[in-house]
Amino acid sequence: MAKPKKRLSAPSKPTQGKQIVLPAKGKLPGAGSSHERVCWRFTHADMEGRWGLQQFTTESWHAVLGRLVQFETMTVQEIRESSVYTEYDLPSGLLPEALRRLEDLNLGDMTKIGRFRIWSKPRLYGFMEGNVFHVLWWDPEHEIYPWEPRNT
């Protein structure tokens, strides 16, 4: 005979000075406000190209994942107003090889591409649709959108 499952129940008396709030059944705590915060999708991630996600080492992936966790505490508006996110009109400024790769991936009709600055050099590229960032490329050497520092 199987043992009956234990059920968690709210305490019979509230703890003095603290209110206990239990999430609704089947709901993640804090998920109700997550529609405003940035989140991640990997459906369109390039796995084979020069900047494909296959080049992640375990160490770099753990570090990037830590940064993504930090970024997803921010709303899309906060992200757009920060220095960690930039959006570029296409095709201007992108490396020609990157533009060709977009064509190869059937994404050549996209009009904008965004990037998150992970640290001083590495970037994560993709497309922001609403609050969802569709990850596309990992650019550890900042090659996809070349720039020249001022006063050089």
N, C-alpha and C. Protein backbone atom coordinates (compact mmCIF):
# COMPACT_ATOMS: atom_id res chain seq x y z
N MET A 1 0.84 -1.17 0.00
CA MET A 1 0.00 0.00 0.00
C MET A 1 0.89 1.24 0.00
N ALA A 2 0.63 2.17 -0.91
CA ALA A 2 1.44 3.37 -1.05
C ALA A 2 1.12 4.36 0.06
N LYS A 3 2.17 5.02 0.53
CA LYS A 3 1.98 6.04 1.55
C LYS A 3 1.30 7.25 0.92
N PRO A 4 0.41 7.89 1.66
CA PRO A 4 -0.20 9.11 1.12
C PRO A 4 0.86 10.21 1.03
N LYS A 5 0.74 11.07 0.00
CA LYS A 5 1.69 12.16 -0.18
C LYS A 5 1.46 13.21 0.90
N LYS A 6 2.58 13.77 1.37
CA LYS A 6 2.48 14.85 2.35
C LYS A 6 2.08 16.11 1.62
N ARG A 7 1.26 16.90 2.24
CA ARG A 7 0.84 18.18 1.67
C ARG A 7 1.36 19.30 2.56
N LEU A 8 1.85 20.34 1.89
CA LEU A 8 2.28 21.51 2.65
C LEU A 8 1.05 22.34 2.96
N SER A 9 1.00 22.81 4.15
CA SER A 9 -0.13 23.66 4.51
C SER A 9 0.39 24.94 5.14
N ALA A 10 -0.40 25.97 5.02
CA ALA A 10 -0.02 27.25 5.62
C ALA A 10 -0.06 27.09 7.13
N PRO A 11 0.81 27.81 7.85
CA PRO A 11 0.78 27.72 9.31
C PRO A 11 -0.57 28.18 9.84
N SER A 12 -0.97 27.58 10.95
CA SER A 12 -2.27 27.92 11.51
C SER A 12 -2.29 29.35 12.04
N LYS A 13 -1.17 29.85 12.55
CA LYS A 13 -1.08 31.22 13.03
C LYS A 13 0.02 31.93 12.25
N PRO A 14 -0.26 33.13 11.71
CA PRO A 14 0.79 33.85 11.00
C PRO A 14 1.96 34.16 11.93
N THR A 15 3.16 34.14 11.38
CA THR A 15 4.34 34.49 12.15
C THR A 15 4.24 35.96 12.50
N GLN A 16 4.50 36.27 13.74
CA GLN A 16 4.35 37.64 14.20
C GLN A 16 5.27 38.57 13.42
N GLY A 17 4.71 39.64 12.84
CA GLY A 17 5.49 40.64 12.13
C GLY A 17 5.80 40.28 10.68
N LYS A 18 5.49 39.07 10.24
CA LYS A 18 5.78 38.68 8.87
C LYS A 18 4.53 38.11 8.23
N GLN A 19 4.33 38.50 7.00
CA GLN A 19 3.20 37.95 6.26
C GLN A 19 3.75 36.89 5.32
N ILE A 20 3.15 35.75 5.32
CA ILE A 20 3.58 34.67 4.45
C ILE A 20 2.71 34.70 3.21
N VAL A 21 3.36 34.83 2.05
CA VAL A 21 2.64 34.85 0.79
C VAL A 21 3.05 33.63 0.00
N LEU A 22 2.11 32.77 -0.25
CA LEU A 22 2.38 31.57 -1.03
C LEU A 22 1.98 31.82 -2.47
N PRO A 23 2.81 31.37 -3.43
CA PRO A 23 2.44 31.56 -4.83
C PRO A 23 1.19 30.74 -5.16
N ALA A 24 0.42 31.22 -6.13
CA ALA A 24 -0.74 30.46 -6.57
C ALA A 24 -0.28 29.11 -7.09
N LYS A 25 -1.12 28.13 -6.95
CA LYS A 25 -0.77 26.78 -7.38
C LYS A 25 -0.36 26.77 -8.85
N GLY A 26 0.80 26.19 -9.13
CA GLY A 26 1.28 26.09 -10.50
C GLY A 26 1.93 27.35 -11.04
N LYS A 27 2.17 28.33 -10.21
CA LYS A 27 2.78 29.60 -10.65
C LYS A 27 4.16 29.77 -10.04
N LEU A 28 5.08 30.28 -10.85
CA LEU A 28 6.41 30.58 -10.34
C LEU A 28 6.38 31.90 -9.58
N PRO A 29 7.04 31.98 -8.44
CA PRO A 29 7.10 33.26 -7.72
C PRO A 29 7.77 34.32 -8.60
N GLY A 30 7.19 35.51 -8.68
CA GLY A 30 7.76 36.60 -9.45
C GLY A 30 7.49 36.53 -10.95
N ALA A 31 6.85 35.48 -11.42
CA ALA A 31 6.63 35.33 -12.86
C ALA A 31 5.60 36.33 -13.39
N GLY A 32 4.76 36.83 -12.53
CA GLY A 32 3.73 37.75 -12.96
C GLY A 32 4.26 39.05 -13.54
N SER A 33 5.42 39.49 -13.07
CA SER A 33 5.98 40.74 -13.58
C SER A 33 7.07 40.50 -14.62
N SER A 34 7.32 39.25 -14.97
CA SER A 34 8.43 38.96 -15.88
C SER A 34 8.16 39.37 -17.31
N HIS A 35 6.91 39.66 -17.67
CA HIS A 35 6.60 40.06 -19.04
C HIS A 35 7.29 41.38 -19.40
N GLU A 36 7.66 42.16 -18.43
CA GLU A 36 8.34 43.42 -18.69
C GLU A 36 9.85 43.25 -18.81
N ARG A 37 10.38 42.19 -18.23
CA ARG A 37 11.82 41.99 -18.20
C ARG A 37 12.29 41.24 -19.43
N VAL A 38 13.54 41.49 -19.78
CA VAL A 38 14.11 40.81 -20.94
C VAL A 38 14.24 39.32 -20.63
N CYS A 39 14.01 38.50 -21.64
CA CYS A 39 14.22 37.07 -21.50
C CYS A 39 14.86 36.56 -22.79
N TRP A 40 15.24 35.30 -22.82
CA TRP A 40 16.11 34.76 -23.86
C TRP A 40 15.47 33.62 -24.62
N ARG A 41 15.71 33.59 -25.93
CA ARG A 41 15.31 32.45 -26.77
C ARG A 41 16.52 32.06 -27.60
N PHE A 42 16.65 30.78 -27.87
CA PHE A 42 17.79 30.27 -28.61
C PHE A 42 17.37 29.54 -29.88
N THR A 43 16.13 29.70 -30.30
CA THR A 43 15.60 29.02 -31.48
C THR A 43 16.41 29.33 -32.73
N HIS A 44 16.84 30.58 -32.89
CA HIS A 44 17.55 31.00 -34.10
C HIS A 44 19.06 31.05 -33.92
N ALA A 45 19.56 30.50 -32.83
CA ALA A 45 21.00 30.56 -32.56
C ALA A 45 21.78 29.84 -33.67
N ASP A 46 22.79 30.52 -34.16
CA ASP A 46 23.69 29.96 -35.17
C ASP A 46 24.62 28.99 -34.44
N MET A 47 24.60 27.75 -34.83
CA MET A 47 25.42 26.74 -34.17
C MET A 47 26.65 26.35 -34.98
N GLU A 48 26.76 26.85 -36.21
CA GLU A 48 27.84 26.37 -37.06
C GLU A 48 28.75 27.45 -37.62
N GLY A 49 28.31 28.68 -37.69
CA GLY A 49 29.10 29.73 -38.33
C GLY A 49 30.27 30.19 -37.48
N ARG A 50 30.99 31.16 -38.02
CA ARG A 50 32.17 31.71 -37.35
C ARG A 50 31.88 32.19 -35.94
N TRP A 51 30.70 32.73 -35.72
CA TRP A 51 30.33 33.24 -34.39
C TRP A 51 29.26 32.36 -33.74
N GLY A 52 29.17 31.13 -34.17
CA GLY A 52 28.17 30.22 -33.65
C GLY A 52 28.39 29.87 -32.19
N LEU A 53 27.34 29.44 -31.55
CA LEU A 53 27.41 29.13 -30.12
C LEU A 53 28.23 27.89 -29.82
N GLN A 54 28.62 27.13 -30.86
CA GLN A 54 29.45 25.96 -30.64
C GLN A 54 30.83 26.33 -30.09
N GLN A 55 31.23 27.58 -30.23
CA GLN A 55 32.56 27.98 -29.77
C GLN A 55 32.63 28.28 -28.27
N PHE A 56 31.50 28.23 -27.59
CA PHE A 56 31.52 28.44 -26.14
C PHE A 56 32.31 27.34 -25.46
N THR A 57 33.18 27.73 -24.56
CA THR A 57 33.79 26.77 -23.66
C THR A 57 32.89 26.70 -22.43
N THR A 58 33.08 25.69 -21.64
CA THR A 58 32.28 25.57 -20.42
C THR A 58 32.48 26.80 -19.54
N GLU A 59 33.71 27.26 -19.44
CA GLU A 59 34.02 28.42 -18.62
C GLU A 59 33.34 29.68 -19.15
N SER A 60 33.44 29.91 -20.47
CA SER A 60 32.83 31.13 -21.02
C SER A 60 31.31 31.05 -20.93
N TRP A 61 30.73 29.87 -21.13
CA TRP A 61 29.28 29.74 -21.05
C TRP A 61 28.79 30.06 -19.64
N HIS A 62 29.49 29.56 -18.62
CA HIS A 62 29.07 29.84 -17.25
C HIS A 62 29.14 31.33 -16.95
N ALA A 63 30.17 32.00 -17.44
CA ALA A 63 30.32 33.43 -17.22
C ALA A 63 29.22 34.20 -17.95
N VAL A 64 28.94 33.84 -19.21
CA VAL A 64 27.89 34.51 -19.98
C VAL A 64 26.54 34.28 -19.34
N LEU A 65 26.29 33.06 -18.93
CA LEU A 65 25.01 32.75 -18.28
C LEU A 65 24.81 33.62 -17.04
N GLY A 66 25.87 33.84 -16.28
CA GLY A 66 25.79 34.73 -15.12
C GLY A 66 25.38 36.14 -15.51
N ARG A 67 25.93 36.65 -16.63
CA ARG A 67 25.57 37.98 -17.10
C ARG A 67 24.12 38.02 -17.59
N LEU A 68 23.68 36.97 -18.28
CA LEU A 68 22.29 36.92 -18.74
C LEU A 68 21.32 36.95 -17.56
N VAL A 69 21.68 36.26 -16.51
CA VAL A 69 20.84 36.28 -15.30
C VAL A 69 20.76 37.70 -14.75
N GLN A 70 21.89 38.43 -14.76
CA GLN A 70 21.87 39.83 -14.30
C GLN A 70 20.98 40.69 -15.21
N PHE A 71 21.13 40.51 -16.53
CA PHE A 71 20.38 41.33 -17.47
C PHE A 71 18.88 41.08 -17.37
N GLU A 72 18.48 39.85 -17.09
CA GLU A 72 17.04 39.58 -17.09
C GLU A 72 16.33 40.13 -15.86
N THR A 73 17.05 40.76 -14.96
CA THR A 73 16.41 41.47 -13.86
C THR A 73 15.96 42.85 -14.30
N MET A 74 16.35 43.25 -15.53
CA MET A 74 16.05 44.59 -16.05
C MET A 74 14.88 44.53 -17.02
N THR A 75 14.11 45.61 -17.05
CA THR A 75 13.05 45.71 -18.05
C THR A 75 13.69 46.04 -19.40
N VAL A 76 12.93 45.87 -20.46
CA VAL A 76 13.44 46.19 -21.79
C VAL A 76 13.80 47.68 -21.85
N GLN A 77 13.00 48.53 -21.25
CA GLN A 77 13.31 49.96 -21.25
C GLN A 77 14.63 50.22 -20.54
N GLU A 78 14.85 49.59 -19.39
CA GLU A 78 16.11 49.76 -18.66
C GLU A 78 17.29 49.27 -19.50
N ILE A 79 17.09 48.14 -20.18
CA ILE A 79 18.15 47.59 -21.05
C ILE A 79 18.47 48.59 -22.15
N ARG A 80 17.45 49.10 -22.82
CA ARG A 80 17.66 50.04 -23.95
C ARG A 80 18.32 51.34 -23.49
N GLU A 81 18.08 51.75 -22.27
CA GLU A 81 18.67 52.98 -21.75
C GLU A 81 20.06 52.77 -21.16
N SER A 82 20.49 51.54 -21.03
CA SER A 82 21.79 51.24 -20.43
C SER A 82 22.88 51.20 -21.49
N SER A 83 24.10 51.07 -21.04
CA SER A 83 25.23 50.96 -21.96
C SER A 83 25.53 49.51 -22.34
N VAL A 84 24.75 48.56 -21.84
CA VAL A 84 25.02 47.15 -22.13
C VAL A 84 24.36 46.68 -23.41
N TYR A 85 23.41 47.45 -23.94
CA TYR A 85 22.67 47.02 -25.12
C TYR A 85 22.72 48.11 -26.18
N THR A 86 22.96 47.69 -27.43
CA THR A 86 22.93 48.59 -28.58
C THR A 86 22.21 47.89 -29.70
N GLU A 87 21.46 48.66 -30.46
CA GLU A 87 20.75 48.11 -31.61
C GLU A 87 21.22 48.84 -32.86
N TYR A 88 21.48 48.08 -33.92
CA TYR A 88 21.97 48.65 -35.17
C TYR A 88 20.97 48.40 -36.28
N ASP A 89 20.82 49.41 -37.16
CA ASP A 89 20.07 49.20 -38.38
C ASP A 89 20.90 48.33 -39.30
N LEU A 90 20.24 47.46 -40.02
CA LEU A 90 20.95 46.61 -40.99
C LEU A 90 20.77 47.21 -42.37
N PRO A 91 21.75 47.16 -43.21
CA PRO A 91 23.02 46.44 -43.11
C PRO A 91 24.17 47.29 -42.62
N SER A 92 23.95 48.57 -42.31
CA SER A 92 25.06 49.49 -42.08
C SER A 92 25.99 49.03 -40.96
N GLY A 93 27.28 49.06 -41.30
CA GLY A 93 28.33 48.82 -40.31
C GLY A 93 28.68 47.39 -40.01
N LEU A 94 27.81 46.45 -40.28
CA LEU A 94 28.11 45.05 -39.97
C LEU A 94 29.16 44.52 -40.93
N LEU A 95 29.99 43.66 -40.44
CA LEU A 95 31.00 43.00 -41.26
C LEU A 95 30.31 42.29 -42.43
N PRO A 96 30.80 42.41 -43.66
CA PRO A 96 30.17 41.74 -44.80
C PRO A 96 29.97 40.24 -44.59
N GLU A 97 30.91 39.59 -43.92
CA GLU A 97 30.78 38.16 -43.64
C GLU A 97 29.56 37.89 -42.76
N ALA A 98 29.29 38.79 -41.81
CA ALA A 98 28.12 38.63 -40.94
C ALA A 98 26.83 38.80 -41.74
N LEU A 99 26.82 39.76 -42.67
CA LEU A 99 25.64 39.95 -43.52
C LEU A 99 25.39 38.72 -44.39
N ARG A 100 26.46 38.14 -44.93
CA ARG A 100 26.31 36.92 -45.73
C ARG A 100 25.77 35.78 -44.88
N ARG A 101 26.25 35.70 -43.64
CA ARG A 101 25.78 34.63 -42.75
C ARG A 101 24.30 34.80 -42.43
N LEU A 102 23.83 36.04 -42.28
CA LEU A 102 22.40 36.28 -42.06
C LEU A 102 21.60 35.73 -43.24
N GLU A 103 22.10 35.96 -44.45
CA GLU A 103 21.44 35.43 -45.65
C GLU A 103 21.41 33.90 -45.60
N ASP A 104 22.53 33.29 -45.25
CA ASP A 104 22.61 31.82 -45.16
C ASP A 104 21.60 31.26 -44.17
N LEU A 105 21.33 32.03 -43.13
CA LEU A 105 20.41 31.59 -42.07
C LEU A 105 18.96 32.00 -42.36
N ASN A 106 18.71 32.53 -43.57
CA ASN A 106 17.38 33.02 -43.97
C ASN A 106 16.90 34.15 -43.06
N LEU A 107 17.84 34.97 -42.60
CA LEU A 107 17.51 36.12 -41.76
C LEU A 107 17.93 37.43 -42.43
N GLY A 108 18.19 37.37 -43.73
CA GLY A 108 18.65 38.54 -44.46
C GLY A 108 17.64 39.66 -44.56
N ASP A 109 16.37 39.38 -44.26
CA ASP A 109 15.34 40.42 -44.35
C ASP A 109 15.16 41.19 -43.04
N MET A 110 15.95 40.87 -42.02
CA MET A 110 15.85 41.58 -40.75
C MET A 110 16.35 43.01 -40.93
N THR A 111 15.71 43.96 -40.25
CA THR A 111 16.07 45.37 -40.41
C THR A 111 16.94 45.90 -39.28
N LYS A 112 16.97 45.20 -38.16
CA LYS A 112 17.78 45.61 -37.01
C LYS A 112 18.41 44.39 -36.36
N ILE A 113 19.55 44.60 -35.75
CA ILE A 113 20.19 43.56 -34.95
C ILE A 113 20.67 44.21 -33.66
N GLY A 114 20.55 43.51 -32.56
CA GLY A 114 20.97 44.04 -31.27
C GLY A 114 22.14 43.26 -30.74
N ARG A 115 22.82 43.87 -29.79
CA ARG A 115 23.92 43.17 -29.14
C ARG A 115 24.03 43.58 -27.68
N PHE A 116 24.37 42.60 -26.86
CA PHE A 116 24.65 42.84 -25.45
C PHE A 116 26.16 42.82 -25.27
N ARG A 117 26.68 43.83 -24.59
CA ARG A 117 28.10 43.85 -24.22
C ARG A 117 28.21 43.00 -22.96
N ILE A 118 28.90 41.88 -23.10
CA ILE A 118 29.03 40.97 -21.97
C ILE A 118 30.14 41.44 -21.03
N TRP A 119 31.29 41.77 -21.59
CA TRP A 119 32.39 42.40 -20.86
C TRP A 119 32.96 43.46 -21.78
N SER A 120 34.19 43.86 -21.60
CA SER A 120 34.74 44.93 -22.41
C SER A 120 34.76 44.58 -23.90
N LYS A 121 35.08 43.35 -24.26
CA LYS A 121 35.15 42.98 -25.67
C LYS A 121 34.02 42.07 -26.14
N PRO A 122 33.75 40.97 -25.46
CA PRO A 122 32.75 40.01 -25.96
C PRO A 122 31.34 40.58 -26.08
N ARG A 123 30.65 40.15 -27.15
CA ARG A 123 29.29 40.58 -27.42
C ARG A 123 28.41 39.38 -27.74
N LEU A 124 27.13 39.49 -27.41
CA LEU A 124 26.13 38.50 -27.77
C LEU A 124 25.13 39.19 -28.69
N TYR A 125 25.01 38.70 -29.92
CA TYR A 125 24.15 39.32 -30.93
C TYR A 125 22.85 38.56 -31.10
N GLY A 126 21.81 39.29 -31.49
CA GLY A 126 20.53 38.68 -31.77
C GLY A 126 19.49 39.73 -32.10
N PHE A 127 18.23 39.36 -31.94
CA PHE A 127 17.12 40.21 -32.32
C PHE A 127 16.17 40.38 -31.14
N MET A 128 15.86 41.64 -30.79
CA MET A 128 14.93 41.93 -29.71
C MET A 128 13.53 42.07 -30.31
N GLU A 129 12.65 41.19 -29.91
CA GLU A 129 11.24 41.24 -30.30
C GLU A 129 10.43 41.36 -29.03
N GLY A 130 9.86 42.53 -28.79
CA GLY A 130 9.17 42.75 -27.52
C GLY A 130 10.18 42.68 -26.40
N ASN A 131 9.94 41.80 -25.44
CA ASN A 131 10.90 41.64 -24.35
C ASN A 131 11.78 40.40 -24.53
N VAL A 132 11.69 39.76 -25.69
CA VAL A 132 12.44 38.52 -25.93
C VAL A 132 13.64 38.81 -26.83
N PHE A 133 14.82 38.46 -26.34
CA PHE A 133 16.04 38.58 -27.14
C PHE A 133 16.33 37.21 -27.74
N HIS A 134 16.28 37.14 -29.07
CA HIS A 134 16.55 35.90 -29.79
C HIS A 134 18.05 35.84 -30.07
N VAL A 135 18.75 35.02 -29.32
CA VAL A 135 20.20 34.92 -29.40
C VAL A 135 20.60 34.34 -30.75
N LEU A 136 21.58 34.97 -31.39
CA LEU A 136 22.07 34.52 -32.69
C LEU A 136 23.54 34.16 -32.65
N TRP A 137 24.40 35.08 -32.23
CA TRP A 137 25.85 34.89 -32.33
C TRP A 137 26.57 35.25 -31.04
N TRP A 138 27.69 34.59 -30.84
CA TRP A 138 28.63 34.89 -29.77
C TRP A 138 29.88 35.47 -30.44
N ASP A 139 30.23 36.71 -30.12
CA ASP A 139 31.35 37.42 -30.73
C ASP A 139 32.37 37.78 -29.64
N PRO A 140 33.24 36.85 -29.28
CA PRO A 140 34.17 37.10 -28.17
C PRO A 140 35.23 38.15 -28.48
N GLU A 141 35.50 38.41 -29.77
CA GLU A 141 36.56 39.35 -30.15
C GLU A 141 36.03 40.67 -30.69
N HIS A 142 34.73 40.92 -30.59
CA HIS A 142 34.12 42.16 -31.05
C HIS A 142 34.44 42.43 -32.53
N GLU A 143 34.15 41.45 -33.38
CA GLU A 143 34.46 41.54 -34.80
C GLU A 143 33.25 41.88 -35.67
N ILE A 144 32.07 41.50 -35.26
CA ILE A 144 30.88 41.61 -36.12
C ILE A 144 30.56 43.06 -36.48
N TYR A 145 30.66 43.94 -35.51
CA TYR A 145 30.40 45.35 -35.76
C TYR A 145 31.66 46.10 -35.37
N PRO A 146 32.62 46.19 -36.30
CA PRO A 146 33.90 46.81 -35.95
C PRO A 146 33.75 48.30 -35.64
N TRP A 147 34.59 48.78 -34.76
CA TRP A 147 34.56 50.19 -34.40
C TRP A 147 35.99 50.64 -34.11
N GLU A 148 36.18 51.90 -34.23
CA GLU A 148 37.48 52.50 -33.91
C GLU A 148 37.31 53.36 -32.66
N PRO A 149 38.18 53.15 -31.66
CA PRO A 149 38.09 54.02 -30.48
C PRO A 149 38.35 55.47 -30.86
N ARG A 150 37.73 56.37 -30.14
CA ARG A 150 37.94 57.80 -30.37
C ARG A 150 39.37 58.19 -30.02
N ASN A 151 39.84 59.24 -30.66
CA ASN A 151 41.17 59.81 -30.37
C ASN A 151 42.30 58.84 -30.58
N THR A 152 42.23 58.04 -31.65
CA THR A 152 43.34 57.13 -31.93
C THR A 152 44.04 57.55 -33.20
